[in-house]
Amino acid sequence: MTTLLTDTGRFEVPAAEAAGEDLWLPAGDAETITGWSVKPEGLCKAEVCVPLPPGRAQHFVQGSRVNVAALWRHLGQLVVHSDRGRAWVLASSARERSAALRSLQAPDFTLPDPSGRLHSLSDYRGKKVFLVTWASW
């Protein structure tokens, strides 16, 4: 079992294969977790497609597997993993985090209310939001 942490959450991926600095996920898991899918144009997320480097396509896609760590590095994003490769973090680059802080716009997140109904911060964009948090530590 491999644990993968991204900006969108924590995912347990039983079919992940770690090999050195590479993290191979089934294409369906890669799309669900990261939003990136394999298309004839390359790896795509919504309308944005990143062509695979000529002669290196097999380093990113092999059959129905996607090397998400190689994609993240190719995009200039941060990739770190535990020594045994059982825990991985795919994060935004320092440049993107810095730009987000300068924009003063909070990143989107989704949390349940006391009745279990989910609310996303993006549902309230353009409105004033008062957010109360608490932690036991």
N, C-alpha and C. Protein backbone atom coordinates (compact mmCIF):
# COMPACT_ATOMS: atom_id res chain seq x y z
N MET A 1 0.85 -1.19 0.00
CA MET A 1 0.00 0.00 0.00
C MET A 1 0.89 1.25 0.00
N THR A 2 0.57 2.17 -0.88
CA THR A 2 1.31 3.43 -0.97
C THR A 2 0.38 4.57 -0.59
N THR A 3 0.86 5.48 0.25
CA THR A 3 0.11 6.67 0.63
C THR A 3 0.61 7.83 -0.21
N LEU A 4 -0.32 8.54 -0.81
CA LEU A 4 0.02 9.67 -1.68
C LEU A 4 -0.69 10.91 -1.15
N LEU A 5 0.09 11.95 -0.85
CA LEU A 5 -0.45 13.22 -0.39
C LEU A 5 -0.33 14.24 -1.51
N THR A 6 -1.44 14.91 -1.81
CA THR A 6 -1.44 15.97 -2.83
C THR A 6 -2.14 17.19 -2.24
N ASP A 7 -2.21 18.24 -3.03
CA ASP A 7 -2.92 19.44 -2.59
C ASP A 7 -4.40 19.16 -2.37
N THR A 8 -4.91 18.08 -2.96
CA THR A 8 -6.34 17.79 -2.84
C THR A 8 -6.66 16.75 -1.77
N GLY A 9 -5.65 16.14 -1.16
CA GLY A 9 -5.95 15.20 -0.09
C GLY A 9 -4.95 14.07 0.04
N ARG A 10 -5.36 13.08 0.83
CA ARG A 10 -4.55 11.89 1.11
C ARG A 10 -5.22 10.71 0.43
N PHE A 11 -4.41 9.89 -0.26
CA PHE A 11 -4.96 8.76 -1.00
C PHE A 11 -4.14 7.52 -0.70
N GLU A 12 -4.82 6.41 -0.48
CA GLU A 12 -4.18 5.11 -0.32
C GLU A 12 -4.31 4.41 -1.67
N VAL A 13 -3.18 4.03 -2.26
CA VAL A 13 -3.19 3.47 -3.61
C VAL A 13 -2.54 2.08 -3.58
N PRO A 14 -3.36 1.04 -3.52
CA PRO A 14 -2.81 -0.32 -3.43
C PRO A 14 -2.02 -0.72 -4.68
N ALA A 15 -2.40 -0.23 -5.85
CA ALA A 15 -1.76 -0.65 -7.09
C ALA A 15 -0.58 0.23 -7.50
N ALA A 16 -0.16 1.17 -6.64
CA ALA A 16 0.98 2.03 -6.96
C ALA A 16 2.27 1.21 -6.92
N GLU A 17 3.20 1.57 -7.80
CA GLU A 17 4.50 0.90 -7.84
C GLU A 17 5.60 1.96 -7.77
N ALA A 18 6.35 1.93 -6.66
CA ALA A 18 7.47 2.86 -6.50
C ALA A 18 8.74 2.17 -6.97
N ALA A 19 9.52 2.87 -7.79
CA ALA A 19 10.79 2.35 -8.28
C ALA A 19 11.80 3.50 -8.30
N GLY A 20 12.61 3.57 -7.25
CA GLY A 20 13.56 4.67 -7.14
C GLY A 20 12.85 6.00 -7.03
N GLU A 21 13.06 6.88 -8.00
CA GLU A 21 12.44 8.20 -8.00
C GLU A 21 11.14 8.24 -8.80
N ASP A 22 10.67 7.08 -9.24
CA ASP A 22 9.45 7.00 -10.05
C ASP A 22 8.30 6.44 -9.24
N LEU A 23 7.11 6.97 -9.48
CA LEU A 23 5.89 6.46 -8.86
C LEU A 23 4.88 6.19 -9.97
N TRP A 24 4.67 4.92 -10.25
CA TRP A 24 3.75 4.50 -11.31
C TRP A 24 2.38 4.20 -10.71
N LEU A 25 1.36 4.83 -11.28
CA LEU A 25 -0.03 4.59 -10.87
C LEU A 25 -0.82 4.09 -12.07
N PRO A 26 -1.83 3.25 -11.83
CA PRO A 26 -2.75 2.94 -12.93
C PRO A 26 -3.33 4.25 -13.45
N ALA A 27 -3.53 4.35 -14.76
CA ALA A 27 -3.98 5.61 -15.37
C ALA A 27 -5.26 6.13 -14.71
N GLY A 28 -6.18 5.25 -14.36
CA GLY A 28 -7.42 5.68 -13.71
C GLY A 28 -7.17 6.30 -12.36
N ASP A 29 -6.28 5.70 -11.57
CA ASP A 29 -5.93 6.27 -10.27
C ASP A 29 -5.22 7.61 -10.43
N ALA A 30 -4.33 7.69 -11.42
CA ALA A 30 -3.61 8.94 -11.66
C ALA A 30 -4.59 10.07 -11.99
N GLU A 31 -5.59 9.76 -12.81
CA GLU A 31 -6.56 10.79 -13.17
C GLU A 31 -7.43 11.18 -11.97
N THR A 32 -7.88 10.20 -11.21
CA THR A 32 -8.71 10.48 -10.04
C THR A 32 -7.97 11.33 -9.02
N ILE A 33 -6.72 11.00 -8.77
CA ILE A 33 -5.94 11.67 -7.73
C ILE A 33 -5.39 13.02 -8.17
N THR A 34 -4.86 13.09 -9.40
CA THR A 34 -4.18 14.31 -9.84
C THR A 34 -4.97 15.14 -10.85
N GLY A 35 -5.93 14.51 -11.52
CA GLY A 35 -6.67 15.21 -12.57
C GLY A 35 -6.02 15.08 -13.94
N TRP A 36 -4.83 14.50 -14.02
CA TRP A 36 -4.11 14.35 -15.28
C TRP A 36 -4.45 13.01 -15.91
N SER A 37 -4.77 13.03 -17.21
CA SER A 37 -5.12 11.80 -17.93
C SER A 37 -4.28 11.67 -19.18
N VAL A 38 -4.18 10.43 -19.67
CA VAL A 38 -3.42 10.15 -20.88
C VAL A 38 -4.32 10.35 -22.08
N LYS A 39 -3.85 11.17 -23.02
CA LYS A 39 -4.57 11.42 -24.27
C LYS A 39 -3.55 11.36 -25.40
N PRO A 40 -4.01 11.29 -26.65
CA PRO A 40 -3.06 11.25 -27.76
C PRO A 40 -2.11 12.46 -27.78
N GLU A 41 -2.57 13.61 -27.26
CA GLU A 41 -1.76 14.83 -27.25
C GLU A 41 -0.67 14.79 -26.18
N GLY A 42 -0.79 13.89 -25.21
CA GLY A 42 0.15 13.81 -24.09
C GLY A 42 -0.62 13.61 -22.80
N LEU A 43 -0.16 14.21 -21.73
CA LEU A 43 -0.86 14.17 -20.45
C LEU A 43 -1.66 15.45 -20.32
N CYS A 44 -2.96 15.31 -20.02
CA CYS A 44 -3.86 16.46 -20.04
C CYS A 44 -4.64 16.58 -18.75
N LYS A 45 -4.89 17.84 -18.38
CA LYS A 45 -5.74 18.17 -17.24
C LYS A 45 -6.67 19.27 -17.72
N ALA A 46 -7.95 18.94 -17.79
CA ALA A 46 -8.95 19.84 -18.39
C ALA A 46 -8.50 20.17 -19.81
N GLU A 47 -8.38 21.46 -20.15
CA GLU A 47 -7.99 21.83 -21.51
C GLU A 47 -6.48 21.94 -21.69
N VAL A 48 -5.72 21.78 -20.62
CA VAL A 48 -4.27 21.93 -20.70
C VAL A 48 -3.64 20.56 -20.98
N CYS A 49 -2.83 20.48 -22.03
CA CYS A 49 -2.11 19.25 -22.36
C CYS A 49 -0.62 19.51 -22.38
N VAL A 50 0.14 18.58 -21.84
CA VAL A 50 1.59 18.65 -21.83
C VAL A 50 2.09 17.53 -22.74
N PRO A 51 2.68 17.90 -23.88
CA PRO A 51 3.21 16.86 -24.76
C PRO A 51 4.33 16.10 -24.06
N LEU A 52 4.41 14.81 -24.32
CA LEU A 52 5.48 14.01 -23.74
C LEU A 52 6.77 14.28 -24.51
N PRO A 53 7.90 14.44 -23.81
CA PRO A 53 9.16 14.74 -24.50
C PRO A 53 9.49 13.65 -25.53
N PRO A 54 9.88 14.04 -26.74
CA PRO A 54 10.23 13.06 -27.77
C PRO A 54 11.32 12.11 -27.27
N GLY A 55 11.12 10.83 -27.50
CA GLY A 55 12.10 9.83 -27.09
C GLY A 55 12.04 9.48 -25.61
N ARG A 56 11.20 10.16 -24.83
CA ARG A 56 11.11 9.89 -23.39
C ARG A 56 9.68 9.57 -22.96
N ALA A 57 8.79 9.35 -23.91
CA ALA A 57 7.39 9.09 -23.57
C ALA A 57 7.24 7.90 -22.64
N GLN A 58 8.07 6.86 -22.83
CA GLN A 58 7.98 5.66 -22.00
C GLN A 58 8.37 5.94 -20.55
N HIS A 59 9.03 7.05 -20.28
CA HIS A 59 9.37 7.41 -18.90
C HIS A 59 8.15 8.00 -18.18
N PHE A 60 7.14 8.43 -18.94
CA PHE A 60 5.94 9.03 -18.37
C PHE A 60 4.74 8.09 -18.43
N VAL A 61 4.62 7.35 -19.52
CA VAL A 61 3.46 6.46 -19.72
C VAL A 61 3.96 5.12 -20.24
N GLN A 62 3.51 4.05 -19.58
CA GLN A 62 3.80 2.69 -20.04
C GLN A 62 2.51 1.91 -19.97
N GLY A 63 1.95 1.61 -21.13
CA GLY A 63 0.69 0.88 -21.17
C GLY A 63 -0.39 1.68 -20.47
N SER A 64 -0.95 1.10 -19.43
CA SER A 64 -2.02 1.79 -18.69
C SER A 64 -1.51 2.36 -17.37
N ARG A 65 -0.20 2.64 -17.30
CA ARG A 65 0.40 3.21 -16.09
C ARG A 65 0.98 4.59 -16.40
N VAL A 66 0.91 5.47 -15.39
CA VAL A 66 1.44 6.83 -15.51
C VAL A 66 2.46 7.05 -14.39
N ASN A 67 3.61 7.59 -14.74
CA ASN A 67 4.64 7.94 -13.76
C ASN A 67 4.34 9.36 -13.27
N VAL A 68 3.55 9.45 -12.20
CA VAL A 68 3.13 10.77 -11.72
C VAL A 68 4.31 11.57 -11.15
N ALA A 69 5.31 10.91 -10.61
CA ALA A 69 6.47 11.62 -10.08
C ALA A 69 7.24 12.29 -11.23
N ALA A 70 7.41 11.58 -12.34
CA ALA A 70 8.11 12.17 -13.49
C ALA A 70 7.31 13.34 -14.06
N LEU A 71 5.98 13.20 -14.11
CA LEU A 71 5.14 14.30 -14.59
C LEU A 71 5.29 15.51 -13.69
N TRP A 72 5.24 15.30 -12.38
CA TRP A 72 5.34 16.42 -11.44
C TRP A 72 6.67 17.14 -11.61
N ARG A 73 7.76 16.38 -11.72
CA ARG A 73 9.07 17.02 -11.91
C ARG A 73 9.12 17.77 -13.24
N HIS A 74 8.55 17.18 -14.28
CA HIS A 74 8.52 17.80 -15.61
C HIS A 74 7.78 19.14 -15.55
N LEU A 75 6.76 19.23 -14.68
CA LEU A 75 5.99 20.45 -14.51
C LEU A 75 6.65 21.44 -13.56
N GLY A 76 7.80 21.07 -13.00
CA GLY A 76 8.51 21.96 -12.08
C GLY A 76 7.90 21.96 -10.69
N GLN A 77 7.20 20.90 -10.34
CA GLN A 77 6.56 20.80 -9.03
C GLN A 77 7.43 19.98 -8.08
N LEU A 78 7.08 20.00 -6.82
CA LEU A 78 7.83 19.32 -5.77
C LEU A 78 7.37 17.87 -5.61
N VAL A 79 8.34 16.94 -5.57
CA VAL A 79 8.08 15.52 -5.33
C VAL A 79 9.03 15.05 -4.25
N VAL A 80 8.49 14.49 -3.17
CA VAL A 80 9.32 13.88 -2.13
C VAL A 80 8.70 12.55 -1.75
N HIS A 81 9.55 11.64 -1.23
CA HIS A 81 9.04 10.33 -0.82
C HIS A 81 9.85 9.79 0.34
N SER A 82 9.27 8.83 1.02
CA SER A 82 9.96 8.17 2.12
C SER A 82 11.06 7.27 1.57
N ASP A 83 11.95 6.83 2.43
CA ASP A 83 13.06 5.97 2.01
C ASP A 83 12.57 4.71 1.30
N ARG A 84 11.53 4.11 1.79
CA ARG A 84 11.02 2.86 1.20
C ARG A 84 10.00 3.09 0.08
N GLY A 85 9.66 4.35 -0.17
CA GLY A 85 8.72 4.65 -1.24
C GLY A 85 7.28 4.33 -0.94
N ARG A 86 6.95 4.21 0.33
CA ARG A 86 5.57 3.90 0.70
C ARG A 86 4.73 5.15 0.94
N ALA A 87 5.38 6.29 1.08
CA ALA A 87 4.69 7.57 1.27
C ALA A 87 5.29 8.58 0.31
N TRP A 88 4.42 9.26 -0.44
CA TRP A 88 4.83 10.23 -1.45
C TRP A 88 4.06 11.52 -1.27
N VAL A 89 4.70 12.64 -1.59
CA VAL A 89 4.04 13.94 -1.58
C VAL A 89 4.25 14.57 -2.96
N LEU A 90 3.14 14.94 -3.60
CA LEU A 90 3.17 15.69 -4.85
C LEU A 90 2.60 17.06 -4.51
N ALA A 91 3.45 18.07 -4.53
CA ALA A 91 3.02 19.39 -4.06
C ALA A 91 3.26 20.46 -5.12
N SER A 92 2.70 21.63 -4.86
CA SER A 92 2.92 22.79 -5.72
C SER A 92 4.33 23.31 -5.51
N SER A 93 4.88 23.95 -6.52
CA SER A 93 6.21 24.52 -6.40
C SER A 93 6.18 25.71 -5.45
N ALA A 94 7.34 26.08 -4.95
CA ALA A 94 7.43 27.25 -4.07
C ALA A 94 6.97 28.50 -4.81
N ARG A 95 7.24 28.58 -6.11
CA ARG A 95 6.81 29.74 -6.91
C ARG A 95 5.28 29.85 -6.92
N GLU A 96 4.60 28.71 -7.13
CA GLU A 96 3.13 28.74 -7.14
C GLU A 96 2.56 29.08 -5.77
N ARG A 97 3.14 28.48 -4.71
CA ARG A 97 2.65 28.79 -3.35
C ARG A 97 2.87 30.26 -3.03
N SER A 98 4.00 30.81 -3.45
CA SER A 98 4.31 32.22 -3.22
C SER A 98 3.31 33.11 -3.96
N ALA A 99 3.01 32.75 -5.20
CA ALA A 99 2.03 33.53 -5.99
C ALA A 99 0.66 33.46 -5.34
N ALA A 100 0.29 32.29 -4.82
CA ALA A 100 -1.01 32.15 -4.16
C ALA A 100 -1.09 33.01 -2.91
N LEU A 101 0.02 33.07 -2.16
CA LEU A 101 0.03 33.92 -0.96
C LEU A 101 -0.09 35.39 -1.33
N ARG A 102 0.58 35.80 -2.41
CA ARG A 102 0.49 37.20 -2.84
C ARG A 102 -0.92 37.54 -3.30
N SER A 103 -1.66 36.57 -3.82
CA SER A 103 -3.01 36.85 -4.32
C SER A 103 -4.00 37.05 -3.18
N LEU A 104 -3.63 36.60 -1.97
CA LEU A 104 -4.50 36.66 -0.79
C LEU A 104 -5.79 35.86 -0.97
N GLN A 105 -5.78 34.91 -1.91
CA GLN A 105 -6.95 34.05 -2.10
C GLN A 105 -6.64 32.69 -1.47
N ALA A 106 -7.51 32.27 -0.57
CA ALA A 106 -7.30 30.99 0.11
C ALA A 106 -7.48 29.84 -0.87
N PRO A 107 -6.69 28.77 -0.71
CA PRO A 107 -6.87 27.61 -1.58
C PRO A 107 -8.21 26.94 -1.29
N ASP A 108 -8.75 26.28 -2.28
CA ASP A 108 -10.03 25.62 -2.12
C ASP A 108 -9.88 24.39 -1.23
N PHE A 109 -10.88 24.11 -0.43
CA PHE A 109 -10.94 22.90 0.37
C PHE A 109 -12.41 22.57 0.60
N THR A 110 -12.67 21.33 0.98
CA THR A 110 -14.03 20.87 1.24
C THR A 110 -14.06 20.20 2.60
N LEU A 111 -15.02 20.60 3.43
CA LEU A 111 -15.19 20.03 4.76
C LEU A 111 -16.67 19.81 5.05
N PRO A 112 -16.99 18.82 5.90
CA PRO A 112 -18.39 18.60 6.26
C PRO A 112 -18.83 19.53 7.38
N ASP A 113 -20.13 19.87 7.39
CA ASP A 113 -20.69 20.60 8.53
C ASP A 113 -21.12 19.56 9.56
N PRO A 114 -21.63 19.98 10.72
CA PRO A 114 -21.99 19.00 11.76
C PRO A 114 -23.01 17.95 11.30
N SER A 115 -23.81 18.27 10.28
CA SER A 115 -24.78 17.28 9.81
C SER A 115 -24.21 16.38 8.73
N GLY A 116 -22.93 16.60 8.35
CA GLY A 116 -22.28 15.76 7.35
C GLY A 116 -22.35 16.29 5.92
N ARG A 117 -23.06 17.39 5.70
CA ARG A 117 -23.16 17.97 4.36
C ARG A 117 -21.85 18.66 4.01
N LEU A 118 -21.31 18.39 2.81
CA LEU A 118 -20.02 18.95 2.41
C LEU A 118 -20.17 20.37 1.89
N HIS A 119 -19.19 21.20 2.27
CA HIS A 119 -19.13 22.59 1.81
C HIS A 119 -17.72 22.85 1.29
N SER A 120 -17.62 23.46 0.12
CA SER A 120 -16.33 23.84 -0.45
C SER A 120 -16.18 25.35 -0.37
N LEU A 121 -14.97 25.80 -0.09
CA LEU A 121 -14.74 27.23 -0.02
C LEU A 121 -15.08 27.89 -1.35
N SER A 122 -14.82 27.20 -2.46
CA SER A 122 -15.10 27.77 -3.78
C SER A 122 -16.58 28.05 -3.99
N ASP A 123 -17.46 27.38 -3.24
CA ASP A 123 -18.91 27.65 -3.34
C ASP A 123 -19.24 29.06 -2.85
N TYR A 124 -18.33 29.66 -2.09
CA TYR A 124 -18.60 30.95 -1.47
C TYR A 124 -17.71 32.07 -2.00
N ARG A 125 -17.03 31.83 -3.13
CA ARG A 125 -16.16 32.86 -3.71
C ARG A 125 -16.98 34.11 -3.99
N GLY A 126 -16.40 35.27 -3.66
CA GLY A 126 -17.08 36.54 -3.86
C GLY A 126 -17.95 36.94 -2.69
N LYS A 127 -18.08 36.06 -1.71
CA LYS A 127 -18.88 36.36 -0.52
C LYS A 127 -17.94 36.42 0.69
N LYS A 128 -18.36 37.11 1.71
CA LYS A 128 -17.59 37.15 2.94
C LYS A 128 -17.78 35.82 3.66
N VAL A 129 -16.68 35.27 4.17
CA VAL A 129 -16.71 33.98 4.85
C VAL A 129 -16.01 34.14 6.19
N PHE A 130 -16.66 33.67 7.23
CA PHE A 130 -16.07 33.66 8.56
C PHE A 130 -15.79 32.19 8.89
N LEU A 131 -14.53 31.84 9.00
CA LEU A 131 -14.14 30.46 9.21
C LEU A 131 -13.60 30.31 10.62
N VAL A 132 -14.17 29.39 11.38
CA VAL A 132 -13.75 29.14 12.74
C VAL A 132 -13.08 27.76 12.77
N THR A 133 -11.89 27.69 13.32
CA THR A 133 -11.19 26.40 13.42
C THR A 133 -10.83 26.15 14.87
N TRP A 134 -10.54 24.89 15.13
CA TRP A 134 -10.17 24.49 16.48
C TRP A 134 -9.32 23.24 16.37
N ALA A 135 -8.36 23.10 17.25
CA ALA A 135 -7.55 21.88 17.32
C ALA A 135 -7.28 21.57 18.78
N SER A 136 -7.14 20.29 19.08
CA SER A 136 -6.95 19.87 20.47
C SER A 136 -5.51 19.94 20.92
N TRP A 137 -4.58 20.17 20.02
CA TRP A 137 -3.18 20.18 20.46
C TRP A 137 -2.75 21.51 20.83
